[in-house]
Amino acid sequence: MNAKPNALQRLAHQFIMLCPVTAFFANKVHVVDKLILKLTGGKYTVSGLAGWTMIQLTATGAKTGQECMSPLVGLLNEEKIAIVASSFGRVYNPNWYYNLKAHPECKVEWKIRDVYWARDKWGGV
């Protein structure tokens, strides 16, 4: 289900994996992805252009109780999705992790060849 990256995407991966580059973009890429998702009607993200499979996770906020959307890199295998709450190796987990711990039901969406798939149940954290 995950497509292999092309030559340009592989070059981008090599650049992004440099420690100073990762450290600089780690806390910014999700903000940029969220903005681009909004501007393109949910069609594109910077991470998606790099060849990563992007999903949109909509969960209920642990503290606010309001819906929160997070663009995430997802690893897909048929009906299963793997997401990693590493927060680029920082001390604390990302907010969406705590949201799912407090409210396990969420909505997951991703685009596969111009077809959108959505699932309303989360298997748990």
PDB file of N, CA and C in Angstrom:
ATOM      1  N   MET A   1       0.811  -1.185   0.000  1.00  0.00           N
ATOM      2  CA  MET A   1       0.000   0.000   0.000  1.00  0.00           C
ATOM      3  C   MET A   1       0.862   1.259   0.000  1.00  0.00           C
ATOM      4  N   ASN A   2       2.020   1.217   0.631  1.00  0.00           N
ATOM      5  CA  ASN A   2       2.930   2.365   0.603  1.00  0.00           C
ATOM      6  C   ASN A   2       3.740   2.317  -0.684  1.00  0.00           C
ATOM      7  N   ALA A   3       3.725   3.410  -1.460  1.00  0.00           N
ATOM      8  CA  ALA A   3       4.468   3.473  -2.713  1.00  0.00           C
ATOM      9  C   ALA A   3       5.946   3.708  -2.424  1.00  0.00           C
ATOM     10  N   LYS A   4       6.801   3.197  -3.307  1.00  0.00           N
ATOM     11  CA  LYS A   4       8.239   3.419  -3.150  1.00  0.00           C
ATOM     12  C   LYS A   4       8.562   4.845  -3.569  1.00  0.00           C
ATOM     13  N   PRO A   5       9.455   5.513  -2.845  1.00  0.00           N
ATOM     14  CA  PRO A   5       9.805   6.889  -3.197  1.00  0.00           C
ATOM     15  C   PRO A   5      10.583   6.953  -4.505  1.00  0.00           C
ATOM     16  N   ASN A   6      10.359   8.040  -5.256  1.00  0.00           N
ATOM     17  CA  ASN A   6      11.117   8.242  -6.488  1.00  0.00           C
ATOM     18  C   ASN A   6      12.491   8.828  -6.132  1.00  0.00           C
ATOM     19  N   ALA A   7      13.316   9.107  -7.145  1.00  0.00           N
ATOM     20  CA  ALA A   7      14.696   9.576  -6.911  1.00  0.00           C
ATOM     21  C   ALA A   7      14.720  10.904  -6.158  1.00  0.00           C
ATOM     22  N   LEU A   8      13.844  11.836  -6.514  1.00  0.00           N
ATOM     23  CA  LEU A   8      13.808  13.126  -5.831  1.00  0.00           C
ATOM     24  C   LEU A   8      13.394  12.964  -4.370  1.00  0.00           C
ATOM     25  N   GLN A   9      12.433  12.096  -4.119  1.00  0.00           N
ATOM     26  CA  GLN A   9      11.986  11.850  -2.750  1.00  0.00           C
ATOM     27  C   GLN A   9      13.088  11.183  -1.933  1.00  0.00           C
ATOM     28  N   ARG A  10      13.852  10.268  -2.532  1.00  0.00           N
ATOM     29  CA  ARG A  10      14.962   9.637  -1.815  1.00  0.00           C
ATOM     30  C   ARG A  10      16.029  10.665  -1.453  1.00  0.00           C
ATOM     31  N   LEU A  11      16.292  11.607  -2.354  1.00  0.00           N
ATOM     32  CA  LEU A  11      17.237  12.681  -2.076  1.00  0.00           C
ATOM     33  C   LEU A  11      16.728  13.552  -0.923  1.00  0.00           C
ATOM     34  N   ALA A  12      15.433  13.871  -0.952  1.00  0.00           N
ATOM     35  CA  ALA A  12      14.833  14.658   0.135  1.00  0.00           C
ATOM     36  C   ALA A  12      14.950  13.916   1.463  1.00  0.00           C
ATOM     37  N   HIS A  13      14.755  12.597   1.446  1.00  0.00           N
ATOM     38  CA  HIS A  13      14.876  11.796   2.677  1.00  0.00           C
ATOM     39  C   HIS A  13      16.292  11.888   3.239  1.00  0.00           C
ATOM     40  N   GLN A  14      17.289  11.799   2.366  1.00  0.00           N
ATOM     41  CA  GLN A  14      18.679  11.874   2.821  1.00  0.00           C
ATOM     42  C   GLN A  14      18.965  13.229   3.474  1.00  0.00           C
ATOM     43  N   PHE A  15      18.429  14.291   2.885  1.00  0.00           N
ATOM     44  CA  PHE A  15      18.616  15.636   3.425  1.00  0.00           C
ATOM     45  C   PHE A  15      17.904  15.781   4.769  1.00  0.00           C
ATOM     46  N   ILE A  16      16.675  15.319   4.833  1.00  0.00           N
ATOM     47  CA  ILE A  16      15.864  15.453   6.048  1.00  0.00           C
ATOM     48  C   ILE A  16      16.463  14.657   7.205  1.00  0.00           C
ATOM     49  N   MET A  17      17.152  13.569   6.902  1.00  0.00           N
ATOM     50  CA  MET A  17      17.716  12.720   7.956  1.00  0.00           C
ATOM     51  C   MET A  17      18.986  13.291   8.583  1.00  0.00           C
ATOM     52  N   LEU A  18      19.527  14.373   8.042  1.00  0.00           N
ATOM     53  CA  LEU A  18      20.675  15.024   8.671  1.00  0.00           C
ATOM     54  C   LEU A  18      20.239  15.601  10.014  1.00  0.00           C
ATOM     55  N   CYS A  19      20.986  15.358  11.059  1.00  0.00           N
ATOM     56  CA  CYS A  19      20.591  15.776  12.417  1.00  0.00           C
ATOM     57  C   CYS A  19      20.205  17.248  12.538  1.00  0.00           C
ATOM     58  N   PRO A  20      20.985  18.189  12.008  1.00  0.00           N
ATOM     59  CA  PRO A  20      20.602  19.599  12.157  1.00  0.00           C
ATOM     60  C   PRO A  20      19.293  19.928  11.435  1.00  0.00           C
ATOM     61  N   VAL A  21      19.068  19.283  10.291  1.00  0.00           N
ATOM     62  CA  VAL A  21      17.839  19.533   9.530  1.00  0.00           C
ATOM     63  C   VAL A  21      16.632  18.987  10.294  1.00  0.00           C
ATOM     64  N   THR A  22      16.755  17.757  10.783  1.00  0.00           N
ATOM     65  CA  THR A  22      15.663  17.153  11.557  1.00  0.00           C
ATOM     66  C   THR A  22      15.362  17.978  12.804  1.00  0.00           C
ATOM     67  N   ALA A  23      16.391  18.400  13.499  1.00  0.00           N
ATOM     68  CA  ALA A  23      16.198  19.198  14.717  1.00  0.00           C
ATOM     69  C   ALA A  23      15.488  20.514  14.410  1.00  0.00           C
ATOM     70  N   PHE A  24      15.823  21.125  13.282  1.00  0.00           N
ATOM     71  CA  PHE A  24      15.204  22.399  12.920  1.00  0.00           C
ATOM     72  C   PHE A  24      13.729  22.223  12.549  1.00  0.00           C
ATOM     73  N   PHE A  25      13.412  21.201  11.758  1.00  0.00           N
ATOM     74  CA  PHE A  25      12.049  21.036  11.240  1.00  0.00           C
ATOM     75  C   PHE A  25      11.135  20.217  12.137  1.00  0.00           C
ATOM     76  N   ALA A  26      11.660  19.525  13.122  1.00  0.00           N
ATOM     77  CA  ALA A  26      10.862  18.601  13.930  1.00  0.00           C
ATOM     78  C   ALA A  26       9.613  19.243  14.521  1.00  0.00           C
ATOM     79  N   ASN A  27       9.729  20.434  15.042  1.00  0.00           N
ATOM     80  CA  ASN A  27       8.565  21.055  15.684  1.00  0.00           C
ATOM     81  C   ASN A  27       7.823  22.002  14.745  1.00  0.00           C
ATOM     82  N   LYS A  28       8.187  22.026  13.458  1.00  0.00           N
ATOM     83  CA  LYS A  28       7.542  22.937  12.520  1.00  0.00           C
ATOM     84  C   LYS A  28       6.753  22.233  11.425  1.00  0.00           C
ATOM     85  N   VAL A  29       7.165  21.019  11.039  1.00  0.00           N
ATOM     86  CA  VAL A  29       6.578  20.373   9.874  1.00  0.00           C
ATOM     87  C   VAL A  29       5.087  20.098  10.048  1.00  0.00           C
ATOM     88  N   HIS A  30       4.638  19.722  11.233  1.00  0.00           N
ATOM     89  CA  HIS A  30       3.208  19.445  11.415  1.00  0.00           C
ATOM     90  C   HIS A  30       2.372  20.723  11.289  1.00  0.00           C
ATOM     91  N   VAL A  31       2.928  21.853  11.687  1.00  0.00           N
ATOM     92  CA  VAL A  31       2.218  23.132  11.552  1.00  0.00           C
ATOM     93  C   VAL A  31       2.080  23.488  10.071  1.00  0.00           C
ATOM     94  N   VAL A  32       3.162  23.320   9.322  1.00  0.00           N
ATOM     95  CA  VAL A  32       3.132  23.596   7.880  1.00  0.00           C
ATOM     96  C   VAL A  32       2.185  22.631   7.178  1.00  0.00           C
ATOM     97  N   ASP A  33       2.246  21.338   7.530  1.00  0.00           N
ATOM     98  CA  ASP A  33       1.349  20.351   6.927  1.00  0.00           C
ATOM     99  C   ASP A  33      -0.109  20.686   7.192  1.00  0.00           C
ATOM    100  N   LYS A  34      -0.428  21.097   8.405  1.00  0.00           N
ATOM    101  CA  LYS A  34      -1.804  21.445   8.751  1.00  0.00           C
ATOM    102  C   LYS A  34      -2.295  22.620   7.896  1.00  0.00           C
ATOM    103  N   LEU A  35      -1.442  23.623   7.709  1.00  0.00           N
ATOM    104  CA  LEU A  35      -1.789  24.791   6.891  1.00  0.00           C
ATOM    105  C   LEU A  35      -1.992  24.392   5.430  1.00  0.00           C
ATOM    106  N   ILE A  36      -1.084  23.598   4.890  1.00  0.00           N
ATOM    107  CA  ILE A  36      -1.205  23.187   3.487  1.00  0.00           C
ATOM    108  C   ILE A  36      -2.423  22.296   3.286  1.00  0.00           C
ATOM    109  N   LEU A  37      -2.725  21.421   4.251  1.00  0.00           N
ATOM    110  CA  LEU A  37      -3.946  20.609   4.169  1.00  0.00           C
ATOM    111  C   LEU A  37      -5.170  21.503   4.070  1.00  0.00           C
ATOM    112  N   LYS A  38      -5.215  22.537   4.888  1.00  0.00           N
ATOM    113  CA  LYS A  38      -6.353  23.452   4.887  1.00  0.00           C
ATOM    114  C   LYS A  38      -6.445  24.203   3.553  1.00  0.00           C
ATOM    115  N   LEU A  39      -5.302  24.696   3.051  1.00  0.00           N
ATOM    116  CA  LEU A  39      -5.283  25.471   1.802  1.00  0.00           C
ATOM    117  C   LEU A  39      -5.626  24.636   0.570  1.00  0.00           C
ATOM    118  N   THR A  40      -5.280  23.347   0.593  1.00  0.00           N
ATOM    119  CA  THR A  40      -5.520  22.489  -0.573  1.00  0.00           C
ATOM    120  C   THR A  40      -6.749  21.593  -0.408  1.00  0.00           C
ATOM    121  N   GLY A  41      -7.552  21.862   0.588  1.00  0.00           N
ATOM    122  CA  GLY A  41      -8.759  21.054   0.800  1.00  0.00           C
ATOM    123  C   GLY A  41      -8.462  19.618   1.176  1.00  0.00           C
ATOM    124  N   GLY A  42      -7.375  19.403   1.915  1.00  0.00           N
ATOM    125  CA  GLY A  42      -7.032  18.066   2.390  1.00  0.00           C
ATOM    126  C   GLY A  42      -6.315  17.197   1.378  1.00  0.00           C
ATOM    127  N   LYS A  43      -5.823  17.788   0.286  1.00  0.00           N
ATOM    128  CA  LYS A  43      -5.203  16.988  -0.774  1.00  0.00           C
ATOM    129  C   LYS A  43      -3.697  16.827  -0.633  1.00  0.00           C
ATOM    130  N   TYR A  44      -2.981  17.824  -0.111  1.00  0.00           N
ATOM    131  CA  TYR A  44      -1.526  17.779  -0.130  1.00  0.00           C
ATOM    132  C   TYR A  44      -0.922  18.164   1.214  1.00  0.00           C
ATOM    133  N   THR A  45       0.294  17.668   1.446  1.00  0.00           N
ATOM    134  CA  THR A  45       1.116  18.071   2.585  1.00  0.00           C
ATOM    135  C   THR A  45       2.563  18.090   2.121  1.00  0.00           C
ATOM    136  N   VAL A  46       3.406  18.799   2.831  1.00  0.00           N
ATOM    137  CA  VAL A  46       4.835  18.787   2.527  1.00  0.00           C
ATOM    138  C   VAL A  46       5.375  17.373   2.708  1.00  0.00           C
ATOM    139  N   SER A  47       4.977  16.725   3.776  1.00  0.00           N
ATOM    140  CA  SER A  47       5.439  15.365   4.047  1.00  0.00           C
ATOM    141  C   SER A  47       4.982  14.395   2.964  1.00  0.00           C
ATOM    142  N   GLY A  48       3.771  14.585   2.472  1.00  0.00           N
ATOM    143  CA  GLY A  48       3.248  13.738   1.397  1.00  0.00           C
ATOM    144  C   GLY A  48       4.032  13.903   0.113  1.00  0.00           C
ATOM    145  N   LEU A  49       4.444  15.144  -0.187  1.00  0.00           N
ATOM    146  CA  LEU A  49       5.255  15.384  -1.379  1.00  0.00           C
ATOM    147  C   LEU A  49       6.622  14.727  -1.252  1.00  0.00           C
ATOM    148  N   ALA A  50       7.075  14.527  -0.018  1.00  0.00           N
ATOM    149  CA  ALA A  50       8.343  13.839   0.217  1.00  0.00           C
ATOM    150  C   ALA A  50       8.201  12.324   0.059  1.00  0.00           C
ATOM    151  N   GLY A  51       6.976  11.852  -0.168  1.00  0.00           N
ATOM    152  CA  GLY A  51       6.753  10.429  -0.399  1.00  0.00           C
ATOM    153  C   GLY A  51       6.239   9.661   0.798  1.00  0.00           C
ATOM    154  N   TRP A  52       6.007  10.340   1.901  1.00  0.00           N
ATOM    155  CA  TRP A  52       5.493   9.663   3.084  1.00  0.00           C
ATOM    156  C   TRP A  52       3.977   9.573   3.003  1.00  0.00           C
ATOM    157  N   THR A  53       3.411   8.498   3.543  1.00  0.00           N
ATOM    158  CA  THR A  53       1.966   8.341   3.583  1.00  0.00           C
ATOM    159  C   THR A  53       1.427   9.181   4.729  1.00  0.00           C
ATOM    160  N   MET A  54       0.629  10.174   4.395  1.00  0.00           N
ATOM    161  CA  MET A  54       0.084  11.075   5.406  1.00  0.00           C
ATOM    162  C   MET A  54      -1.354  10.692   5.728  1.00  0.00           C
ATOM    163  N   ILE A  55      -1.656  10.664   7.003  1.00  0.00           N
ATOM    164  CA  ILE A  55      -3.030  10.440   7.456  1.00  0.00           C
ATOM    165  C   ILE A  55      -3.457  11.663   8.253  1.00  0.00           C
ATOM    166  N   GLN A  56      -4.766  11.836   8.361  1.00  0.00           N
ATOM    167  CA  GLN A  56      -5.308  12.892   9.211  1.00  0.00           C
ATOM    168  C   GLN A  56      -6.018  12.214  10.377  1.00  0.00           C
ATOM    169  N   LEU A  57      -5.525  12.447  11.552  1.00  0.00           N
ATOM    170  CA  LEU A  57      -6.108  11.882  12.769  1.00  0.00           C
ATOM    171  C   LEU A  57      -6.921  12.966  13.442  1.00  0.00           C
ATOM    172  N   THR A  58      -8.221  12.728  13.616  1.00  0.00           N
ATOM    173  CA  THR A  58      -9.077  13.666  14.320  1.00  0.00           C
ATOM    174  C   THR A  58      -9.521  13.003  15.611  1.00  0.00           C
ATOM    175  N   ALA A  59      -9.102  13.573  16.723  1.00  0.00           N
ATOM    176  CA  ALA A  59      -9.403  13.013  18.039  1.00  0.00           C
ATOM    177  C   ALA A  59     -10.000  14.099  18.923  1.00  0.00           C
ATOM    178  N   THR A  60     -10.601  13.669  20.015  1.00  0.00           N
ATOM    179  CA  THR A  60     -11.139  14.603  20.998  1.00  0.00           C
ATOM    180  C   THR A  60     -10.023  15.008  21.941  1.00  0.00           C
ATOM    181  N   GLY A  61      -9.877  16.311  22.165  1.00  0.00           N
ATOM    182  CA  GLY A  61      -8.820  16.821  23.035  1.00  0.00           C
ATOM    183  C   GLY A  61      -8.948  16.310  24.456  1.00  0.00           C
ATOM    184  N   ALA A  62      -7.842  15.892  25.049  1.00  0.00           N
ATOM    185  CA  ALA A  62      -7.846  15.349  26.406  1.00  0.00           C
ATOM    186  C   ALA A  62      -8.297  16.386  27.426  1.00  0.00           C
ATOM    187  N   LYS A  63      -7.876  17.631  27.248  1.00  0.00           N
ATOM    188  CA  LYS A  63      -8.231  18.689  28.199  1.00  0.00           C
ATOM    189  C   LYS A  63      -9.420  19.520  27.741  1.00  0.00           C
ATOM    190  N   THR A  64      -9.481  19.826  26.436  1.00  0.00           N
ATOM    191  CA  THR A  64     -10.512  20.744  25.938  1.00  0.00           C
ATOM    192  C   THR A  64     -11.819  20.052  25.599  1.00  0.00           C
ATOM    193  N   GLY A  65     -11.749  18.767  25.205  1.00  0.00           N
ATOM    194  CA  GLY A  65     -12.957  18.062  24.784  1.00  0.00           C
ATOM    195  C   GLY A  65     -13.385  18.437  23.368  1.00  0.00           C
ATOM    196  N   GLN A  66     -12.590  19.251  22.670  1.00  0.00           N
ATOM    197  CA  GLN A  66     -12.910  19.661  21.308  1.00  0.00           C
ATOM    198  C   GLN A  66     -12.133  18.806  20.314  1.00  0.00           C
ATOM    199  N   GLU A  67     -12.647  18.722  19.069  1.00  0.00           N
ATOM    200  CA  GLU A  67     -11.967  17.958  18.035  1.00  0.00           C
ATOM    201  C   GLU A  67     -10.635  18.595  17.676  1.00  0.00           C
ATOM    202  N   CYS A  68      -9.600  17.756  17.544  1.00  0.00           N
ATOM    203  CA  CYS A  68      -8.270  18.211  17.162  1.00  0.00           C
ATOM    204  C   CYS A  68      -7.795  17.357  15.990  1.00  0.00           C
ATOM    205  N   MET A  69      -7.372  18.001  14.893  1.00  0.00           N
ATOM    206  CA  MET A  69      -6.863  17.283  13.730  1.00  0.00           C
ATOM    207  C   MET A  69      -5.351  17.349  13.721  1.00  0.00           C
ATOM    208  N   SER A  70      -4.721  16.194  13.495  1.00  0.00           N
ATOM    209  CA  SER A  70      -3.265  16.121  13.427  1.00  0.00           C
ATOM    210  C   SER A  70      -2.858  15.392  12.154  1.00  0.00           C
ATOM    211  N   PRO A  71      -2.065  16.025  11.278  1.00  0.00           N
ATOM    212  CA  PRO A  71      -1.510  15.285  10.143  1.00  0.00           C
ATOM    213  C   PRO A  71      -0.320  14.463  10.631  1.00  0.00           C
ATOM    214  N   LEU A  72      -0.321  13.172  10.316  1.00  0.00           N
ATOM    215  CA  LEU A  72       0.722  12.265  10.797  1.00  0.00           C
ATOM    216  C   LEU A  72       1.235  11.381   9.671  1.00  0.00           C
ATOM    217  N   VAL A  73       2.457  10.918   9.795  1.00  0.00           N
ATOM    218  CA  VAL A  73       2.981   9.906   8.890  1.00  0.00           C
ATOM    219  C   VAL A  73       2.447   8.573   9.373  1.00  0.00           C
ATOM    220  N   GLY A  74       1.815   7.833   8.491  1.00  0.00           N
ATOM    221  CA  GLY A  74       1.251   6.538   8.860  1.00  0.00           C
ATOM    222  C   GLY A  74       1.858   5.428   8.030  1.00  0.00           C
ATOM    223  N   LEU A  75       2.047   4.288   8.624  1.00  0.00           N
ATOM    224  CA  LEU A  75       2.504   3.094   7.931  1.00  0.00           C
ATOM    225  C   LEU A  75       1.295   2.196   7.757  1.00  0.00           C
ATOM    226  N   LEU A  76       0.958   1.883   6.511  1.00  0.00           N
ATOM    227  CA  LEU A  76      -0.272   1.167   6.220  1.00  0.00           C
ATOM    228  C   LEU A  76       0.008  -0.271   5.830  1.00  0.00           C
ATOM    229  N   ASN A  77      -0.864  -1.169   6.300  1.00  0.00           N
ATOM    230  CA  ASN A  77      -0.792  -2.574   5.944  1.00  0.00           C
ATOM    231  C   ASN A  77      -2.216  -3.093   5.888  1.00  0.00           C
ATOM    232  N   GLU A  78      -2.769  -3.159   4.692  1.00  0.00           N
ATOM    233  CA  GLU A  78      -4.154  -3.563   4.462  1.00  0.00           C
ATOM    234  C   GLU A  78      -5.091  -2.704   5.305  1.00  0.00           C
ATOM    235  N   GLU A  79      -5.726  -3.264   6.323  1.00  0.00           N
ATOM    236  CA  GLU A  79      -6.685  -2.525   7.144  1.00  0.00           C
ATOM    237  C   GLU A  79      -6.054  -1.913   8.392  1.00  0.00           C
ATOM    238  N   LYS A  80      -4.755  -2.082   8.585  1.00  0.00           N
ATOM    239  CA  LYS A  80      -4.105  -1.611   9.801  1.00  0.00           C
ATOM    240  C   LYS A  80      -3.240  -0.393   9.520  1.00  0.00           C
ATOM    241  N   ILE A  81      -3.157   0.484  10.513  1.00  0.00           N
ATOM    242  CA  ILE A  81      -2.338   1.685  10.426  1.00  0.00           C
ATOM    243  C   ILE A  81      -1.414   1.706  11.634  1.00  0.00           C
ATOM    244  N   ALA A  82      -0.144   1.973  11.391  1.00  0.00           N
ATOM    245  CA  ALA A  82       0.806   2.155  12.492  1.00  0.00           C
ATOM    246  C   ALA A  82       1.221   3.624  12.514  1.00  0.00           C
ATOM    247  N   ILE A  83       1.141   4.228  13.677  1.00  0.00           N
ATOM    248  CA  ILE A  83       1.633   5.587  13.881  1.00  0.00           C
ATOM    249  C   ILE A  83       2.533   5.554  15.109  1.00  0.00           C
ATOM    250  N   VAL A  84       3.565   6.358  15.099  1.00  0.00           N
ATOM    251  CA  VAL A  84       4.542   6.330  16.177  1.00  0.00           C
ATOM    252  C   VAL A  84       4.506   7.660  16.918  1.00  0.00           C
ATOM    253  N   ALA A  85       4.330   7.585  18.233  1.00  0.00           N
ATOM    254  CA  ALA A  85       4.247   8.792  19.068  1.00  0.00           C
ATOM    255  C   ALA A  85       5.617   9.132  19.631  1.00  0.00           C
ATOM    256  N   SER A  86       6.594   9.297  18.743  1.00  0.00           N
ATOM    257  CA  SER A  86       7.956   9.551  19.214  1.00  0.00           C
ATOM    258  C   SER A  86       8.253  11.034  19.379  1.00  0.00           C
ATOM    259  N   SER A  87       7.488  11.878  18.693  1.00  0.00           N
ATOM    260  CA  SER A  87       7.700  13.329  18.740  1.00  0.00           C
ATOM    261  C   SER A  87       9.151  13.684  18.432  1.00  0.00           C
ATOM    262  N   PHE A  88       9.715  12.995  17.419  1.00  0.00           N
ATOM    263  CA  PHE A  88      11.090  13.221  16.973  1.00  0.00           C
ATOM    264  C   PHE A  88      12.094  13.041  18.112  1.00  0.00           C
ATOM    265  N   GLY A  89      11.827  12.109  19.027  1.00  0.00           N
ATOM    266  CA  GLY A  89      12.767  11.793  20.091  1.00  0.00           C
ATOM    267  C   GLY A  89      12.776  12.771  21.254  1.00  0.00           C
ATOM    268  N   ARG A  90      11.802  13.638  21.302  1.00  0.00           N
ATOM    269  CA  ARG A  90      11.755  14.588  22.420  1.00  0.00           C
ATOM    270  C   ARG A  90      11.292  13.897  23.702  1.00  0.00           C
ATOM    271  N   VAL A  91      11.385  14.581  24.816  1.00  0.00           N
ATOM    272  CA  VAL A  91      11.072  14.003  26.124  1.00  0.00           C
ATOM    273  C   VAL A  91       9.592  13.629  26.242  1.00  0.00           C
ATOM    274  N   TYR A  92       8.703  14.487  25.744  1.00  0.00           N
ATOM    275  CA  TYR A  92       7.265  14.259  25.901  1.00  0.00           C
ATOM    276  C   TYR A  92       6.647  13.705  24.625  1.00  0.00           C
ATOM    277  N   ASN A  93       5.594  12.919  24.790  1.00  0.00           N
ATOM    278  CA  ASN A  93       4.836  12.419  23.648  1.00  0.00           C
ATOM    279  C   ASN A  93       4.066  13.573  23.008  1.00  0.00           C
ATOM    280  N   PRO A  94       3.668  13.417  21.734  1.00  0.00           N
ATOM    281  CA  PRO A  94       2.877  14.467  21.096  1.00  0.00           C
ATOM    282  C   PRO A  94       1.478  14.550  21.709  1.00  0.00           C
ATOM    283  N   ASN A  95       0.826  15.683  21.538  1.00  0.00           N
ATOM    284  CA  ASN A  95      -0.505  15.896  22.121  1.00  0.00           C
ATOM    285  C   ASN A  95      -1.526  14.859  21.673  1.00  0.00           C
ATOM    286  N   TRP A  96      -1.465  14.463  20.405  1.00  0.00           N
ATOM    287  CA  TRP A  96      -2.461  13.513  19.918  1.00  0.00           C
ATOM    288  C   TRP A  96      -2.389  12.189  20.686  1.00  0.00           C
ATOM    289  N   TYR A  97      -1.224  11.820  21.188  1.00  0.00           N
ATOM    290  CA  TYR A  97      -1.081  10.605  21.985  1.00  0.00           C
ATOM    291  C   TYR A  97      -1.933  10.702  23.259  1.00  0.00           C
ATOM    292  N   TYR A  98      -1.822  11.822  23.953  1.00  0.00           N
ATOM    293  CA  TYR A  98      -2.597  12.016  25.187  1.00  0.00           C
ATOM    294  C   TYR A  98      -4.089  12.129  24.888  1.00  0.00           C
ATOM    295  N   ASN A  99      -4.426  12.720  23.735  1.00  0.00           N
ATOM    296  CA  ASN A  99      -5.832  12.792  23.338  1.00  0.00           C
ATOM    297  C   ASN A  99      -6.409  11.397  23.154  1.00  0.00           C
ATOM    298  N   LEU A 100      -5.651  10.510  22.491  1.00  0.00           N
ATOM    299  CA  LEU A 100      -6.132   9.141  22.275  1.00  0.00           C
ATOM    300  C   LEU A 100      -6.171   8.339  23.569  1.00  0.00           C
ATOM    301  N   LYS A 101      -5.252   8.595  24.482  1.00  0.00           N
ATOM    302  CA  LYS A 101      -5.292   7.911  25.784  1.00  0.00           C
ATOM    303  C   LYS A 101      -6.573   8.276  26.533  1.00  0.00           C
ATOM    304  N   ALA A 102      -6.954   9.548  26.464  1.00  0.00           N
ATOM    305  CA  ALA A 102      -8.148  10.009  27.179  1.00  0.00           C
ATOM    306  C   ALA A 102      -9.440   9.636  26.451  1.00  0.00           C
ATOM    307  N   HIS A 103      -9.425   9.694  25.121  1.00  0.00           N
ATOM    308  CA  HIS A 103     -10.618   9.439  24.300  1.00  0.00           C
ATOM    309  C   HIS A 103     -10.205   8.553  23.114  1.00  0.00           C
ATOM    310  N   PRO A 104     -10.249   7.213  23.272  1.00  0.00           N
ATOM    311  CA  PRO A 104      -9.730   6.301  22.244  1.00  0.00           C
ATOM    312  C   PRO A 104     -10.454   6.346  20.899  1.00  0.00           C
ATOM    313  N   GLU A 105     -11.707   6.759  20.855  1.00  0.00           N
ATOM    314  CA  GLU A 105     -12.397   6.809  19.569  1.00  0.00           C
ATOM    315  C   GLU A 105     -11.952   8.040  18.794  1.00  0.00           C
ATOM    316  N   CYS A 106     -11.643   7.835  17.521  1.00  0.00           N
ATOM    317  CA  CYS A 106     -11.175   8.940  16.685  1.00  0.00           C
ATOM    318  C   CYS A 106     -11.542   8.642  15.238  1.00  0.00           C
ATOM    319  N   LYS A 107     -11.190   9.578  14.384  1.00  0.00           N
ATOM    320  CA  LYS A 107     -11.422   9.421  12.950  1.00  0.00           C
ATOM    321  C   LYS A 107     -10.073   9.492  12.253  1.00  0.00           C
ATOM    322  N   VAL A 108      -9.817   8.539  11.350  1.00  0.00           N
ATOM    323  CA  VAL A 108      -8.566   8.500  10.602  1.00  0.00           C
ATOM    324  C   VAL A 108      -8.914   8.562   9.120  1.00  0.00           C
ATOM    325  N   GLU A 109      -8.264   9.486   8.404  1.00  0.00           N
ATOM    326  CA  GLU A 109      -8.514   9.630   6.967  1.00  0.00           C
ATOM    327  C   GLU A 109      -7.195   9.668   6.224  1.00  0.00           C
ATOM    328  N   TRP A 110      -7.191   9.101   5.018  1.00  0.00           N
ATOM    329  CA  TRP A 110      -6.064   9.288   4.123  1.00  0.00           C
ATOM    330  C   TRP A 110      -6.537   9.120   2.695  1.00  0.00           C
ATOM    331  N   LYS A 111      -5.764   9.649   1.787  1.00  0.00           N
ATOM    332  CA  LYS A 111      -6.113   9.626   0.372  1.00  0.00           C
ATOM    333  C   LYS A 111      -5.294   8.552  -0.326  1.00  0.00           C
ATOM    334  N   ILE A 112      -5.985   7.681  -1.050  1.00  0.00           N
ATOM    335  CA  ILE A 112      -5.333   6.634  -1.823  1.00  0.00           C
ATOM    336  C   ILE A 112      -5.798   6.778  -3.269  1.00  0.00           C
ATOM    337  N   ARG A 113      -4.906   7.233  -4.132  1.00  0.00           N
ATOM    338  CA  ARG A 113      -5.211   7.367  -5.555  1.00  0.00           C
ATOM    339  C   ARG A 113      -6.562   8.032  -5.798  1.00  0.00           C
ATOM    340  N   ASP A 114      -6.722   9.221  -5.284  1.00  0.00           N
ATOM    341  CA  ASP A 114      -7.923  10.040  -5.469  1.00  0.00           C
ATOM    342  C   ASP A 114      -9.174   9.472  -4.805  1.00  0.00           C
ATOM    343  N   VAL A 115      -9.021   8.501  -3.909  1.00  0.00           N
ATOM    344  CA  VAL A 115     -10.161   7.975  -3.170  1.00  0.00           C
ATOM    345  C   VAL A 115      -9.864   8.173  -1.687  1.00  0.00           C
ATOM    346  N   TYR A 116     -10.805   8.738  -0.978  1.00  0.00           N
ATOM    347  CA  TYR A 116     -10.598   8.958   0.446  1.00  0.00           C
ATOM    348  C   TYR A 116     -11.179   7.793   1.236  1.00  0.00           C
ATOM    349  N   TRP A 117     -10.449   7.378   2.267  1.00  0.00           N
ATOM    350  CA  TRP A 117     -10.897   6.305   3.145  1.00  0.00           C
ATOM    351  C   TRP A 117     -10.967   6.873   4.541  1.00  0.00           C
ATOM    352  N   ALA A 118     -12.018   6.581   5.256  1.00  0.00           N
ATOM    353  CA  ALA A 118     -12.129   7.067   6.630  1.00  0.00           C
ATOM    354  C   ALA A 118     -12.548   5.916   7.533  1.00  0.00           C
ATOM    355  N   ARG A 119     -12.044   5.937   8.731  1.00  0.00           N
ATOM    356  CA  ARG A 119     -12.391   4.927   9.726  1.00  0.00           C
ATOM    357  C   ARG A 119     -12.688   5.649  11.037  1.00  0.00           C
ATOM    358  N   ASP A 120     -13.766   5.245  11.702  1.00  0.00           N
ATOM    359  CA  ASP A 120     -14.215   5.951  12.893  1.00  0.00           C
ATOM    360  C   ASP A 120     -13.824   5.293  14.212  1.00  0.00           C
ATOM    361  N   LYS A 121     -13.212   4.154  14.172  1.00  0.00           N
ATOM    362  CA  LYS A 121     -12.843   3.464  15.425  1.00  0.00           C
ATOM    363  C   LYS A 121     -11.347   3.335  15.523  1.00  0.00           C
ATOM    364  N   TRP A 122     -10.829   3.575  16.690  1.00  0.00           N
ATOM    365  CA  TRP A 122      -9.399   3.445  16.950  1.00  0.00           C
ATOM    366  C   TRP A 122      -9.190   2.186  17.753  1.00  0.00           C
ATOM    367  N   GLY A 123      -8.200   1.393  17.419  1.00  0.00           N
ATOM    368  CA  GLY A 123      -7.951   0.128  18.080  1.00  0.00           C
ATOM    369  C   GLY A 123      -7.386   0.262  19.491  1.00  0.00           C
ATOM    370  N   GLY A 124      -6.946   1.438  19.877  1.00  0.00           N
ATOM    371  CA  GLY A 124      -6.419   1.633  21.212  1.00  0.00           C
ATOM    372  C   GLY A 124      -4.966   2.046  21.194  1.00  0.00           C
ATOM    373  N   VAL A 125      -4.499   2.534  22.300  1.00  0.00           N
ATOM    374  CA  VAL A 125      -3.126   3.011  22.416  1.00  0.00           C
ATOM    375  C   VAL A 125      -2.368   2.086  23.339  1.00  0.00           C
TER     376      VAL A 125
END
